[in-house]
């Protein structure tokens, strides 16, 4: 059988690539993970001003917290800084920003668990005028693409 181009190259060793210097230097550990200090001061004058405006406009929804009606701002108007407080476990600081000022004392008296507070926030989300669901994005094409 005669050797053709395919069989001749399959029997030879593959060419070894010569290593070259990287186009850019490798990143240091400091460049990959920046050193970020957590915020110590959670009292922001802008947040307090907006909370007062929300109270005046009556944008609160009412949800049950341990069987009691408590007014809370709907999640659609929460600031990202407020969400960070919630996700970092600073629930009291978060509650001071989103609960109606008249209901804040009741919140402290109820001394709810994390699960109860989570259910309370979930109920507030359901009662909010806007849904908190994720956007599904564009539909996929029904035409299949041709593979090469």
C-alpha atoms as a PDB file:
ATOM      1  CA  UNK A   1       0.000   0.000   0.000  1.00  0.00           C
ATOM      2  CA  UNK A   2       1.360   3.372  -0.969  1.00  0.00           C
ATOM      3  CA  UNK A   3       1.766   6.086   1.618  1.00  0.00           C
ATOM      4  CA  UNK A   4      -0.345   9.134   1.132  1.00  0.00           C
ATOM      5  CA  UNK A   5      -0.185  12.496   2.884  1.00  0.00           C
ATOM      6  CA  UNK A   6      -2.483  11.403   5.715  1.00  0.00           C
ATOM      7  CA  UNK A   7      -0.726   8.182   6.632  1.00  0.00           C
ATOM      8  CA  UNK A   8       2.737   9.681   6.284  1.00  0.00           C
ATOM      9  CA  UNK A   9       2.085  12.474   8.776  1.00  0.00           C
ATOM     10  CA  UNK A  10       0.231  10.251  11.208  1.00  0.00           C
ATOM     11  CA  UNK A  11       3.342   8.118  11.731  1.00  0.00           C
ATOM     12  CA  UNK A  12       5.727  10.992  12.291  1.00  0.00           C
ATOM     13  CA  UNK A  13       6.160  12.755  15.604  1.00  0.00           C
ATOM     14  CA  UNK A  14       4.257  16.010  15.998  1.00  0.00           C
ATOM     15  CA  UNK A  15       6.316  19.158  15.788  1.00  0.00           C
ATOM     16  CA  UNK A  16       7.379  20.552  19.141  1.00  0.00           C
ATOM     17  CA  UNK A  17       6.401  24.187  19.592  1.00  0.00           C
ATOM     18  CA  UNK A  18       9.071  26.479  20.845  1.00  0.00           C
ATOM     19  CA  UNK A  19       8.084  28.312  24.026  1.00  0.00           C
ATOM     20  CA  UNK A  20       8.075  32.059  23.719  1.00  0.00           C
ATOM     21  CA  UNK A  21       7.784  34.804  26.289  1.00  0.00           C
ATOM     22  CA  UNK A  22       4.285  35.769  27.319  1.00  0.00           C
ATOM     23  CA  UNK A  23       2.768  38.787  25.641  1.00  0.00           C
ATOM     24  CA  UNK A  24       2.038  40.313  29.044  1.00  0.00           C
ATOM     25  CA  UNK A  25       3.450  39.552  32.478  1.00  0.00           C
ATOM     26  CA  UNK A  26       1.446  37.311  34.824  1.00  0.00           C
ATOM     27  CA  UNK A  27      -0.836  39.029  37.328  1.00  0.00           C
ATOM     28  CA  UNK A  28       0.232  39.278  40.912  1.00  0.00           C
ATOM     29  CA  UNK A  29      -2.095  38.039  43.661  1.00  0.00           C
ATOM     30  CA  UNK A  30      -2.799  41.640  44.681  1.00  0.00           C
ATOM     31  CA  UNK A  31      -4.009  42.499  41.175  1.00  0.00           C
ATOM     32  CA  UNK A  32      -6.356  39.512  41.055  1.00  0.00           C
ATOM     33  CA  UNK A  33      -8.017  40.027  44.455  1.00  0.00           C
ATOM     34  CA  UNK A  34      -8.053  43.675  45.525  1.00  0.00           C
ATOM     35  CA  UNK A  35      -7.942  44.358  49.228  1.00  0.00           C
ATOM     36  CA  UNK A  36     -11.378  45.754  50.096  1.00  0.00           C
ATOM     37  CA  UNK A  37     -12.295  46.940  53.543  1.00  0.00           C
ATOM     38  CA  UNK A  38     -15.923  46.575  54.660  1.00  0.00           C
ATOM     39  CA  UNK A  39     -17.848  49.761  55.227  1.00  0.00           C
ATOM     40  CA  UNK A  40     -17.933  50.752  58.880  1.00  0.00           C
ATOM     41  CA  UNK A  41     -20.366  53.658  58.673  1.00  0.00           C
ATOM     42  CA  UNK A  42     -23.814  52.653  57.451  1.00  0.00           C
ATOM     43  CA  UNK A  43     -25.508  55.996  58.082  1.00  0.00           C
ATOM     44  CA  UNK A  44     -25.738  57.645  54.702  1.00  0.00           C
ATOM     45  CA  UNK A  45     -27.525  60.985  54.567  1.00  0.00           C
ATOM     46  CA  UNK A  46     -28.764  60.315  51.025  1.00  0.00           C
ATOM     47  CA  UNK A  47     -30.328  57.012  52.099  1.00  0.00           C
ATOM     48  CA  UNK A  48     -32.068  58.694  55.036  1.00  0.00           C
ATOM     49  CA  UNK A  49     -33.374  61.462  52.782  1.00  0.00           C
ATOM     50  CA  UNK A  50     -34.712  58.958  50.266  1.00  0.00           C
ATOM     51  CA  UNK A  51     -36.337  56.925  53.015  1.00  0.00           C
ATOM     52  CA  UNK A  52     -38.143  60.055  54.220  1.00  0.00           C
ATOM     53  CA  UNK A  53     -39.281  60.816  50.674  1.00  0.00           C
ATOM     54  CA  UNK A  54     -40.577  57.270  50.271  1.00  0.00           C
ATOM     55  CA  UNK A  55     -42.478  57.571  53.534  1.00  0.00           C
ATOM     56  CA  UNK A  56     -44.068  60.841  52.398  1.00  0.00           C
ATOM     57  CA  UNK A  57     -45.066  59.323  49.039  1.00  0.00           C
ATOM     58  CA  UNK A  58     -46.577  56.258  50.700  1.00  0.00           C
ATOM     59  CA  UNK A  59     -44.653  53.647  48.730  1.00  0.00           C
ATOM     60  CA  UNK A  60     -44.696  51.088  51.553  1.00  0.00           C
ATOM     61  CA  UNK A  61     -46.331  47.665  51.331  1.00  0.00           C
ATOM     62  CA  UNK A  62     -47.659  45.758  54.329  1.00  0.00           C
ATOM     63  CA  UNK A  63     -46.549  42.205  55.106  1.00  0.00           C
ATOM     64  CA  UNK A  64     -46.845  39.874  58.114  1.00  0.00           C
ATOM     65  CA  UNK A  65     -43.831  39.574  60.407  1.00  0.00           C
ATOM     66  CA  UNK A  66     -44.445  37.000  63.153  1.00  0.00           C
ATOM     67  CA  UNK A  67     -48.192  37.561  62.774  1.00  0.00           C
ATOM     68  CA  UNK A  68     -48.015  41.370  62.939  1.00  0.00           C
ATOM     69  CA  UNK A  69     -48.531  43.802  60.068  1.00  0.00           C
ATOM     70  CA  UNK A  70     -45.315  45.687  59.330  1.00  0.00           C
ATOM     71  CA  UNK A  71     -44.795  48.255  56.564  1.00  0.00           C
ATOM     72  CA  UNK A  72     -41.731  47.852  54.353  1.00  0.00           C
ATOM     73  CA  UNK A  73     -40.451  49.431  51.179  1.00  0.00           C
ATOM     74  CA  UNK A  74     -40.929  47.099  48.208  1.00  0.00           C
ATOM     75  CA  UNK A  75     -37.703  45.386  47.066  1.00  0.00           C
ATOM     76  CA  UNK A  76     -37.848  47.185  43.715  1.00  0.00           C
ATOM     77  CA  UNK A  77     -36.802  50.465  45.386  1.00  0.00           C
ATOM     78  CA  UNK A  78     -34.023  49.049  47.577  1.00  0.00           C
ATOM     79  CA  UNK A  79     -30.544  50.443  46.981  1.00  0.00           C
ATOM     80  CA  UNK A  80     -27.712  48.019  46.253  1.00  0.00           C
ATOM     81  CA  UNK A  81     -25.987  49.179  49.432  1.00  0.00           C
ATOM     82  CA  UNK A  82     -29.086  48.080  51.349  1.00  0.00           C
ATOM     83  CA  UNK A  83     -28.980  44.660  49.666  1.00  0.00           C
ATOM     84  CA  UNK A  84     -25.318  44.332  50.666  1.00  0.00           C
ATOM     85  CA  UNK A  85     -26.303  44.908  54.298  1.00  0.00           C
ATOM     86  CA  UNK A  86     -28.911  42.169  54.050  1.00  0.00           C
ATOM     87  CA  UNK A  87     -26.578  39.705  52.345  1.00  0.00           C
ATOM     88  CA  UNK A  88     -23.808  40.415  54.856  1.00  0.00           C
ATOM     89  CA  UNK A  89     -26.140  39.530  57.719  1.00  0.00           C
ATOM     90  CA  UNK A  90     -26.588  43.077  59.026  1.00  0.00           C
ATOM     91  CA  UNK A  91     -30.338  42.651  59.210  1.00  0.00           C
ATOM     92  CA  UNK A  92     -30.976  45.302  61.883  1.00  0.00           C
ATOM     93  CA  UNK A  93     -29.118  47.963  59.880  1.00  0.00           C
ATOM     94  CA  UNK A  94     -31.025  46.840  56.774  1.00  0.00           C
ATOM     95  CA  UNK A  95     -34.358  46.934  58.625  1.00  0.00           C
ATOM     96  CA  UNK A  96     -33.714  50.509  59.782  1.00  0.00           C
ATOM     97  CA  UNK A  97     -33.505  51.555  56.129  1.00  0.00           C
ATOM     98  CA  UNK A  98     -36.444  49.643  54.631  1.00  0.00           C
ATOM     99  CA  UNK A  99     -39.028  49.464  57.420  1.00  0.00           C
ATOM    100  CA  UNK A 100     -41.465  52.268  58.101  1.00  0.00           C
ATOM    101  CA  UNK A 101     -40.064  54.376  60.985  1.00  0.00           C
ATOM    102  CA  UNK A 102     -43.230  53.824  63.055  1.00  0.00           C
ATOM    103  CA  UNK A 103     -42.896  50.028  62.669  1.00  0.00           C
ATOM    104  CA  UNK A 104     -39.206  49.860  63.575  1.00  0.00           C
ATOM    105  CA  UNK A 105     -39.848  49.577  67.324  1.00  0.00           C
ATOM    106  CA  UNK A 106     -42.316  46.737  66.677  1.00  0.00           C
ATOM    107  CA  UNK A 107     -39.624  44.969  64.612  1.00  0.00           C
ATOM    108  CA  UNK A 108     -37.228  45.083  67.560  1.00  0.00           C
ATOM    109  CA  UNK A 109     -39.930  43.885  69.969  1.00  0.00           C
ATOM    110  CA  UNK A 110     -40.813  40.905  67.765  1.00  0.00           C
ATOM    111  CA  UNK A 111     -37.150  39.744  67.678  1.00  0.00           C
ATOM    112  CA  UNK A 112     -37.783  37.504  64.666  1.00  0.00           C
ATOM    113  CA  UNK A 113     -35.550  34.717  63.368  1.00  0.00           C
ATOM    114  CA  UNK A 114     -33.714  34.896  60.052  1.00  0.00           C
ATOM    115  CA  UNK A 115     -36.228  32.484  58.535  1.00  0.00           C
ATOM    116  CA  UNK A 116     -39.183  34.592  59.694  1.00  0.00           C
ATOM    117  CA  UNK A 117     -37.555  37.745  58.325  1.00  0.00           C
ATOM    118  CA  UNK A 118     -36.893  35.985  55.005  1.00  0.00           C
ATOM    119  CA  UNK A 119     -40.559  34.994  54.763  1.00  0.00           C
ATOM    120  CA  UNK A 120     -41.522  38.591  55.569  1.00  0.00           C
ATOM    121  CA  UNK A 121     -39.323  39.934  52.756  1.00  0.00           C
ATOM    122  CA  UNK A 122     -40.727  37.281  50.389  1.00  0.00           C
ATOM    123  CA  UNK A 123     -44.279  38.317  51.179  1.00  0.00           C
ATOM    124  CA  UNK A 124     -43.346  41.980  50.644  1.00  0.00           C
ATOM    125  CA  UNK A 125     -41.926  41.025  47.230  1.00  0.00           C
ATOM    126  CA  UNK A 126     -45.184  39.352  46.258  1.00  0.00           C
ATOM    127  CA  UNK A 127     -47.204  42.410  47.251  1.00  0.00           C
ATOM    128  CA  UNK A 128     -44.902  44.835  45.458  1.00  0.00           C
ATOM    129  CA  UNK A 129     -46.331  46.512  42.362  1.00  0.00           C
ATOM    130  CA  UNK A 130     -43.403  45.258  40.251  1.00  0.00           C
ATOM    131  CA  UNK A 131     -42.226  41.662  40.105  1.00  0.00           C
ATOM    132  CA  UNK A 132     -38.709  40.756  41.221  1.00  0.00           C
ATOM    133  CA  UNK A 133     -38.234  37.928  38.703  1.00  0.00           C
ATOM    134  CA  UNK A 134     -35.281  37.686  36.399  1.00  0.00           C
ATOM    135  CA  UNK A 135     -35.545  38.751  32.820  1.00  0.00           C
ATOM    136  CA  UNK A 136     -35.629  35.759  30.511  1.00  0.00           C
ATOM    137  CA  UNK A 137     -33.811  37.472  27.688  1.00  0.00           C
ATOM    138  CA  UNK A 138     -34.419  36.939  23.984  1.00  0.00           C
ATOM    139  CA  UNK A 139     -35.863  33.685  22.681  1.00  0.00           C
ATOM    140  CA  UNK A 140     -33.547  31.219  21.038  1.00  0.00           C
ATOM    141  CA  UNK A 141     -33.863  30.766  17.333  1.00  0.00           C
ATOM    142  CA  UNK A 142     -35.958  27.842  16.173  1.00  0.00           C
ATOM    143  CA  UNK A 143     -33.659  27.333  13.177  1.00  0.00           C
ATOM    144  CA  UNK A 144     -30.776  25.028  13.721  1.00  0.00           C
ATOM    145  CA  UNK A 145     -27.377  26.217  12.703  1.00  0.00           C
ATOM    146  CA  UNK A 146     -25.400  24.172  10.261  1.00  0.00           C
ATOM    147  CA  UNK A 147     -22.283  22.555  11.647  1.00  0.00           C
ATOM    148  CA  UNK A 148     -19.156  22.648   9.601  1.00  0.00           C
END
